[in-house]
């Protein structure tokens, strides 16, 4: 949790994954 960048990069990825599946 010392790297906020990791969480910021994981957020968009999580939103893109379901979006691709919903496609």
C-alpha atoms as a PDB file:
ATOM      1  CA  UNK A   1       0.000   0.000   0.000  1.00  0.00           C
ATOM      2  CA  UNK A   2       3.096   2.183  -0.021  1.00  0.00           C
ATOM      3  CA  UNK A   3       2.645   2.644  -3.762  1.00  0.00           C
ATOM      4  CA  UNK A   4      -0.545   4.561  -4.606  1.00  0.00           C
ATOM      5  CA  UNK A   5       0.355   4.210  -8.278  1.00  0.00           C
ATOM      6  CA  UNK A   6      -0.341   0.498  -8.088  1.00  0.00           C
ATOM      7  CA  UNK A   7      -3.877   1.156  -6.829  1.00  0.00           C
ATOM      8  CA  UNK A   8      -4.463   3.875  -9.396  1.00  0.00           C
ATOM      9  CA  UNK A   9      -3.381   1.528 -12.177  1.00  0.00           C
ATOM     10  CA  UNK A  10      -5.452  -1.320 -10.800  1.00  0.00           C
ATOM     11  CA  UNK A  11      -8.647   0.735 -10.661  1.00  0.00           C
ATOM     12  CA  UNK A  12      -8.894   1.400 -14.415  1.00  0.00           C
ATOM     13  CA  UNK A  13      -7.935  -2.203 -15.150  1.00  0.00           C
ATOM     14  CA  UNK A  14     -10.781  -3.466 -12.982  1.00  0.00           C
ATOM     15  CA  UNK A  15     -13.216  -1.187 -14.796  1.00  0.00           C
ATOM     16  CA  UNK A  16     -11.933  -2.257 -18.208  1.00  0.00           C
ATOM     17  CA  UNK A  17     -12.121  -5.981 -17.459  1.00  0.00           C
ATOM     18  CA  UNK A  18     -15.909  -6.038 -16.748  1.00  0.00           C
ATOM     19  CA  UNK A  19     -16.480  -3.598 -19.621  1.00  0.00           C
ATOM     20  CA  UNK A  20     -14.783  -5.994 -22.037  1.00  0.00           C
ATOM     21  CA  UNK A  21     -16.783  -8.938 -20.708  1.00  0.00           C
ATOM     22  CA  UNK A  22     -20.028  -6.977 -20.938  1.00  0.00           C
ATOM     23  CA  UNK A  23     -19.175  -6.195 -24.551  1.00  0.00           C
END
